[in-house]
Amino acid sequence: MITVAPTKATARCTLPVNAGGCSEKLTKYAFVMANRKCETFLYSGCGGNGNRFDTLKDCTDLCTAEA
């Protein structure tokens, strides 16, 4: 049996959606594990985590192949 360690891409995609703690409302994309797809969310402009993408394509290219 071969065990493959999660890649940074995989780890990034498994993080929970985190809007951050500021007051801006920027439309971004995040991979939602429960739905196994990329969805929009409002990012506050600061904080958050790596599960945040500027485009749907960036999110799907990195995360859906791993899902």
PDB file of N, CA and C in Angstrom:
ATOM      1  N   MET A   1       0.839  -1.171   0.000  1.00  0.00           N
ATOM      2  CA  MET A   1       0.000   0.000   0.000  1.00  0.00           C
ATOM      3  C   MET A   1       0.886   1.236   0.000  1.00  0.00           C
ATOM      4  N   ILE A   2       0.539   2.188  -0.859  1.00  0.00           N
ATOM      5  CA  ILE A   2       1.297   3.431  -0.944  1.00  0.00           C
ATOM      6  C   ILE A   2       0.494   4.532  -0.269  1.00  0.00           C
ATOM      7  N   THR A   3       1.158   5.256   0.617  1.00  0.00           N
ATOM      8  CA  THR A   3       0.518   6.391   1.270  1.00  0.00           C
ATOM      9  C   THR A   3       1.116   7.661   0.697  1.00  0.00           C
ATOM     10  N   VAL A   4       0.256   8.558   0.271  1.00  0.00           N
ATOM     11  CA  VAL A   4       0.719   9.821  -0.294  1.00  0.00           C
ATOM     12  C   VAL A   4       0.399  10.934   0.694  1.00  0.00           C
ATOM     13  N   ALA A   5       1.420  11.683   1.044  1.00  0.00           N
ATOM     14  CA  ALA A   5       1.205  12.811   1.951  1.00  0.00           C
ATOM     15  C   ALA A   5       0.406  13.891   1.233  1.00  0.00           C
ATOM     16  N   PRO A   6      -0.469  14.582   1.949  1.00  0.00           N
ATOM     17  CA  PRO A   6      -1.236  15.650   1.309  1.00  0.00           C
ATOM     18  C   PRO A   6      -0.316  16.729   0.763  1.00  0.00           C
ATOM     19  N   THR A   7      -0.628  17.219  -0.408  1.00  0.00           N
ATOM     20  CA  THR A   7       0.148  18.314  -0.970  1.00  0.00           C
ATOM     21  C   THR A   7      -0.304  19.610  -0.321  1.00  0.00           C
ATOM     22  N   LYS A   8       0.477  20.661  -0.516  1.00  0.00           N
ATOM     23  CA  LYS A   8       0.064  21.963   0.008  1.00  0.00           C
ATOM     24  C   LYS A   8      -1.258  22.380  -0.623  1.00  0.00           C
ATOM     25  N   ALA A   9      -1.445  22.025  -1.889  1.00  0.00           N
ATOM     26  CA  ALA A   9      -2.707  22.357  -2.561  1.00  0.00           C
ATOM     27  C   ALA A   9      -3.864  21.657  -1.868  1.00  0.00           C
ATOM     28  N   THR A  10      -3.693  20.366  -1.572  1.00  0.00           N
ATOM     29  CA  THR A  10      -4.755  19.623  -0.906  1.00  0.00           C
ATOM     30  C   THR A  10      -5.050  20.226   0.457  1.00  0.00           C
ATOM     31  N   ALA A  11      -4.020  20.513   1.217  1.00  0.00           N
ATOM     32  CA  ALA A  11      -4.204  21.085   2.549  1.00  0.00           C
ATOM     33  C   ALA A  11      -4.918  22.426   2.464  1.00  0.00           C
ATOM     34  N   ARG A  12      -4.547  23.234   1.517  1.00  0.00           N
ATOM     35  CA  ARG A  12      -5.176  24.548   1.333  1.00  0.00           C
ATOM     36  C   ARG A  12      -6.670  24.400   1.053  1.00  0.00           C
ATOM     37  N   CYS A  13      -7.021  23.424   0.260  1.00  0.00           N
ATOM     38  CA  CYS A  13      -8.416  23.224  -0.137  1.00  0.00           C
ATOM     39  C   CYS A  13      -9.268  22.645   0.984  1.00  0.00           C
ATOM     40  N   THR A  14      -8.649  22.058   1.987  1.00  0.00           N
ATOM     41  CA  THR A  14      -9.417  21.463   3.079  1.00  0.00           C
ATOM     42  C   THR A  14      -9.668  22.433   4.229  1.00  0.00           C
ATOM     43  N   LEU A  15      -9.064  23.607   4.175  1.00  0.00           N
ATOM     44  CA  LEU A  15      -9.282  24.596   5.230  1.00  0.00           C
ATOM     45  C   LEU A  15     -10.727  25.090   5.192  1.00  0.00           C
ATOM     46  N   PRO A  16     -11.281  25.443   6.346  1.00  0.00           N
ATOM     47  CA  PRO A  16     -12.653  25.977   6.349  1.00  0.00           C
ATOM     48  C   PRO A  16     -12.686  27.362   5.714  1.00  0.00           C
ATOM     49  N   VAL A  17     -13.816  27.726   5.153  1.00  0.00           N
ATOM     50  CA  VAL A  17     -13.975  29.071   4.605  1.00  0.00           C
ATOM     51  C   VAL A  17     -13.858  30.059   5.764  1.00  0.00           C
ATOM     52  N   ASN A  18     -13.017  31.076   5.582  1.00  0.00           N
ATOM     53  CA  ASN A  18     -12.796  32.059   6.640  1.00  0.00           C
ATOM     54  C   ASN A  18     -12.820  33.450   6.017  1.00  0.00           C
ATOM     55  N   ALA A  19     -13.823  34.236   6.336  1.00  0.00           N
ATOM     56  CA  ALA A  19     -14.004  35.568   5.748  1.00  0.00           C
ATOM     57  C   ALA A  19     -13.025  36.604   6.279  1.00  0.00           C
ATOM     58  N   GLY A  20     -12.312  36.307   7.366  1.00  0.00           N
ATOM     59  CA  GLY A  20     -11.395  37.275   7.949  1.00  0.00           C
ATOM     60  C   GLY A  20     -12.120  38.223   8.888  1.00  0.00           C
ATOM     61  N   GLY A  21     -11.403  39.256   9.349  1.00  0.00           N
ATOM     62  CA  GLY A  21     -11.973  40.104  10.384  1.00  0.00           C
ATOM     63  C   GLY A  21     -12.071  41.584  10.071  1.00  0.00           C
ATOM     64  N   CYS A  22     -11.970  41.973   8.817  1.00  0.00           N
ATOM     65  CA  CYS A  22     -12.089  43.393   8.470  1.00  0.00           C
ATOM     66  C   CYS A  22     -13.472  43.685   7.903  1.00  0.00           C
ATOM     67  N   SER A  23     -13.644  44.858   7.316  1.00  0.00           N
ATOM     68  CA  SER A  23     -14.998  45.278   6.941  1.00  0.00           C
ATOM     69  C   SER A  23     -15.276  45.338   5.440  1.00  0.00           C
ATOM     70  N   GLU A  24     -14.295  45.021   4.593  1.00  0.00           N
ATOM     71  CA  GLU A  24     -14.557  45.033   3.152  1.00  0.00           C
ATOM     72  C   GLU A  24     -15.446  43.854   2.774  1.00  0.00           C
ATOM     73  N   LYS A  25     -16.027  43.923   1.596  1.00  0.00           N
ATOM     74  CA  LYS A  25     -16.855  42.819   1.093  1.00  0.00           C
ATOM     75  C   LYS A  25     -16.394  42.491  -0.319  1.00  0.00           C
ATOM     76  N   LEU A  26     -15.385  41.637  -0.406  1.00  0.00           N
ATOM     77  CA  LEU A  26     -14.791  41.254  -1.679  1.00  0.00           C
ATOM     78  C   LEU A  26     -15.252  39.853  -2.044  1.00  0.00           C
ATOM     79  N   THR A  27     -15.759  39.684  -3.247  1.00  0.00           N
ATOM     80  CA  THR A  27     -16.192  38.358  -3.677  1.00  0.00           C
ATOM     81  C   THR A  27     -14.970  37.516  -4.010  1.00  0.00           C
ATOM     82  N   LYS A  28     -14.848  36.397  -3.336  1.00  0.00           N
ATOM     83  CA  LYS A  28     -13.761  35.440  -3.552  1.00  0.00           C
ATOM     84  C   LYS A  28     -14.369  34.052  -3.677  1.00  0.00           C
ATOM     85  N   TYR A  29     -13.518  33.069  -3.919  1.00  0.00           N
ATOM     86  CA  TYR A  29     -13.950  31.683  -4.068  1.00  0.00           C
ATOM     87  C   TYR A  29     -13.191  30.812  -3.083  1.00  0.00           C
ATOM     88  N   ALA A  30     -13.867  29.793  -2.581  1.00  0.00           N
ATOM     89  CA  ALA A  30     -13.248  28.833  -1.666  1.00  0.00           C
ATOM     90  C   ALA A  30     -13.788  27.448  -1.981  1.00  0.00           C
ATOM     91  N   PHE A  31     -12.973  26.434  -1.735  1.00  0.00           N
ATOM     92  CA  PHE A  31     -13.421  25.059  -1.914  1.00  0.00           C
ATOM     93  C   PHE A  31     -14.146  24.634  -0.645  1.00  0.00           C
ATOM     94  N   VAL A  32     -15.383  24.178  -0.803  1.00  0.00           N
ATOM     95  CA  VAL A  32     -16.204  23.745   0.328  1.00  0.00           C
ATOM     96  C   VAL A  32     -16.210  22.219   0.336  1.00  0.00           C
ATOM     97  N   MET A  33     -15.557  21.638   1.327  1.00  0.00           N
ATOM     98  CA  MET A  33     -15.414  20.181   1.388  1.00  0.00           C
ATOM     99  C   MET A  33     -16.761  19.462   1.417  1.00  0.00           C
ATOM    100  N   ALA A  34     -17.731  19.990   2.137  1.00  0.00           N
ATOM    101  CA  ALA A  34     -19.035  19.324   2.269  1.00  0.00           C
ATOM    102  C   ALA A  34     -19.730  19.168   0.919  1.00  0.00           C
ATOM    103  N   ASN A  35     -19.537  20.145   0.035  1.00  0.00           N
ATOM    104  CA  ASN A  35     -20.171  20.100  -1.287  1.00  0.00           C
ATOM    105  C   ASN A  35     -19.220  19.624  -2.377  1.00  0.00           C
ATOM    106  N   ARG A  36     -17.936  19.561  -2.027  1.00  0.00           N
ATOM    107  CA  ARG A  36     -16.883  19.150  -2.949  1.00  0.00           C
ATOM    108  C   ARG A  36     -16.860  20.007  -4.210  1.00  0.00           C
ATOM    109  N   LYS A  37     -17.051  21.326  -3.996  1.00  0.00           N
ATOM    110  CA  LYS A  37     -16.973  22.260  -5.122  1.00  0.00           C
ATOM    111  C   LYS A  37     -16.571  23.640  -4.619  1.00  0.00           C
ATOM    112  N   CYS A  38     -16.185  24.486  -5.547  1.00  0.00           N
ATOM    113  CA  CYS A  38     -15.820  25.858  -5.221  1.00  0.00           C
ATOM    114  C   CYS A  38     -17.069  26.725  -5.199  1.00  0.00           C
ATOM    115  N   GLU A  39     -17.134  27.594  -4.200  1.00  0.00           N
ATOM    116  CA  GLU A  39     -18.285  28.477  -4.037  1.00  0.00           C
ATOM    117  C   GLU A  39     -17.809  29.882  -3.707  1.00  0.00           C
ATOM    118  N   THR A  40     -18.653  30.864  -3.983  1.00  0.00           N
ATOM    119  CA  THR A  40     -18.310  32.243  -3.650  1.00  0.00           C
ATOM    120  C   THR A  40     -18.542  32.500  -2.160  1.00  0.00           C
ATOM    121  N   PHE A  41     -17.793  33.457  -1.643  1.00  0.00           N
ATOM    122  CA  PHE A  41     -18.024  33.960  -0.290  1.00  0.00           C
ATOM    123  C   PHE A  41     -17.515  35.396  -0.253  1.00  0.00           C
ATOM    124  N   LEU A  42     -17.916  36.141   0.753  1.00  0.00           N
ATOM    125  CA  LEU A  42     -17.461  37.521   0.906  1.00  0.00           C
ATOM    126  C   LEU A  42     -16.268  37.558   1.853  1.00  0.00           C
ATOM    127  N   TYR A  43     -15.137  38.010   1.317  1.00  0.00           N
ATOM    128  CA  TYR A  43     -13.902  38.134   2.086  1.00  0.00           C
ATOM    129  C   TYR A  43     -13.810  39.558   2.628  1.00  0.00           C
ATOM    130  N   SER A  44     -13.389  39.682   3.859  1.00  0.00           N
ATOM    131  CA  SER A  44     -13.363  40.983   4.530  1.00  0.00           C
ATOM    132  C   SER A  44     -12.157  41.846   4.174  1.00  0.00           C
ATOM    133  N   GLY A  45     -11.162  41.283   3.509  1.00  0.00           N
ATOM    134  CA  GLY A  45      -9.987  42.058   3.118  1.00  0.00           C
ATOM    135  C   GLY A  45      -8.751  41.815   3.963  1.00  0.00           C
ATOM    136  N   CYS A  46      -8.889  41.140   5.104  1.00  0.00           N
ATOM    137  CA  CYS A  46      -7.715  40.810   5.912  1.00  0.00           C
ATOM    138  C   CYS A  46      -7.992  39.531   6.694  1.00  0.00           C
ATOM    139  N   GLY A  47      -6.909  38.873   7.107  1.00  0.00           N
ATOM    140  CA  GLY A  47      -7.062  37.620   7.845  1.00  0.00           C
ATOM    141  C   GLY A  47      -7.486  36.502   6.917  1.00  0.00           C
ATOM    142  N   GLY A  48      -8.245  35.580   7.440  1.00  0.00           N
ATOM    143  CA  GLY A  48      -8.671  34.438   6.640  1.00  0.00           C
ATOM    144  C   GLY A  48      -7.587  33.380   6.574  1.00  0.00           C
ATOM    145  N   ASN A  49      -7.635  32.566   5.523  1.00  0.00           N
ATOM    146  CA  ASN A  49      -6.644  31.509   5.351  1.00  0.00           C
ATOM    147  C   ASN A  49      -6.388  31.268   3.863  1.00  0.00           C
ATOM    148  N   GLY A  50      -5.659  30.236   3.547  1.00  0.00           N
ATOM    149  CA  GLY A  50      -5.269  29.962   2.172  1.00  0.00           C
ATOM    150  C   GLY A  50      -6.371  29.446   1.270  1.00  0.00           C
ATOM    151  N   ASN A  51      -7.502  29.068   1.837  1.00  0.00           N
ATOM    152  CA  ASN A  51      -8.624  28.586   1.020  1.00  0.00           C
ATOM    153  C   ASN A  51      -9.415  29.798   0.531  1.00  0.00           C
ATOM    154  N   ARG A  52      -8.745  30.604  -0.291  1.00  0.00           N
ATOM    155  CA  ARG A  52      -9.331  31.827  -0.836  1.00  0.00           C
ATOM    156  C   ARG A  52      -8.706  32.064  -2.202  1.00  0.00           C
ATOM    157  N   PHE A  53      -9.538  32.179  -3.205  1.00  0.00           N
ATOM    158  CA  PHE A  53      -9.071  32.334  -4.578  1.00  0.00           C
ATOM    159  C   PHE A  53      -9.753  33.527  -5.227  1.00  0.00           C
ATOM    160  N   ASP A  54      -9.034  34.202  -6.108  1.00  0.00           N
ATOM    161  CA  ASP A  54      -9.599  35.355  -6.808  1.00  0.00           C
ATOM    162  C   ASP A  54     -10.577  34.953  -7.901  1.00  0.00           C
ATOM    163  N   THR A  55     -10.363  33.787  -8.509  1.00  0.00           N
ATOM    164  CA  THR A  55     -11.233  33.356  -9.604  1.00  0.00           C
ATOM    165  C   THR A  55     -11.741  31.938  -9.368  1.00  0.00           C
ATOM    166  N   LEU A  56     -12.880  31.644  -9.954  1.00  0.00           N
ATOM    167  CA  LEU A  56     -13.433  30.292  -9.885  1.00  0.00           C
ATOM    168  C   LEU A  56     -12.480  29.303 -10.540  1.00  0.00           C
ATOM    169  N   LYS A  57     -11.860  29.701 -11.637  1.00  0.00           N
ATOM    170  CA  LYS A  57     -10.918  28.823 -12.343  1.00  0.00           C
ATOM    171  C   LYS A  57      -9.742  28.448 -11.447  1.00  0.00           C
ATOM    172  N   ASP A  58      -9.176  29.427 -10.752  1.00  0.00           N
ATOM    173  CA  ASP A  58      -8.054  29.129  -9.845  1.00  0.00           C
ATOM    174  C   ASP A  58      -8.466  28.098  -8.798  1.00  0.00           C
ATOM    175  N   CYS A  59      -9.644  28.281  -8.238  1.00  0.00           N
ATOM    176  CA  CYS A  59     -10.137  27.362  -7.209  1.00  0.00           C
ATOM    177  C   CYS A  59     -10.365  25.964  -7.777  1.00  0.00           C
ATOM    178  N   THR A  60     -11.079  25.878  -8.883  1.00  0.00           N
ATOM    179  CA  THR A  60     -11.387  24.557  -9.441  1.00  0.00           C
ATOM    180  C   THR A  60     -10.138  23.862  -9.962  1.00  0.00           C
ATOM    181  N   ASP A  61      -9.225  24.617 -10.582  1.00  0.00           N
ATOM    182  CA  ASP A  61      -7.991  24.005 -11.090  1.00  0.00           C
ATOM    183  C   ASP A  61      -7.176  23.378  -9.967  1.00  0.00           C
ATOM    184  N   LEU A  62      -7.119  24.027  -8.830  1.00  0.00           N
ATOM    185  CA  LEU A  62      -6.291  23.536  -7.732  1.00  0.00           C
ATOM    186  C   LEU A  62      -7.003  22.504  -6.867  1.00  0.00           C
ATOM    187  N   CYS A  63      -8.293  22.687  -6.659  1.00  0.00           N
ATOM    188  CA  CYS A  63      -8.984  21.884  -5.648  1.00  0.00           C
ATOM    189  C   CYS A  63      -9.851  20.748  -6.178  1.00  0.00           C
ATOM    190  N   THR A  64     -10.488  20.890  -7.307  1.00  0.00           N
ATOM    191  CA  THR A  64     -11.427  19.841  -7.706  1.00  0.00           C
ATOM    192  C   THR A  64     -10.734  18.585  -8.200  1.00  0.00           C
ATOM    193  N   ALA A  65      -9.538  18.686  -8.723  1.00  0.00           N
ATOM    194  CA  ALA A  65      -8.808  17.489  -9.138  1.00  0.00           C
ATOM    195  C   ALA A  65      -8.415  16.658  -7.926  1.00  0.00           C
ATOM    196  N   GLU A  66      -8.305  17.310  -6.779  1.00  0.00           N
ATOM    197  CA  GLU A  66      -7.896  16.651  -5.544  1.00  0.00           C
ATOM    198  C   GLU A  66      -9.088  16.102  -4.770  1.00  0.00           C
ATOM    199  N   ALA A  67     -10.277  16.564  -5.116  1.00  0.00           N
ATOM    200  CA  ALA A  67     -11.468  16.229  -4.316  1.00  0.00           C
ATOM    201  C   ALA A  67     -11.844  14.777  -4.405  1.00  0.00           C
TER     202      ALA A  67
END
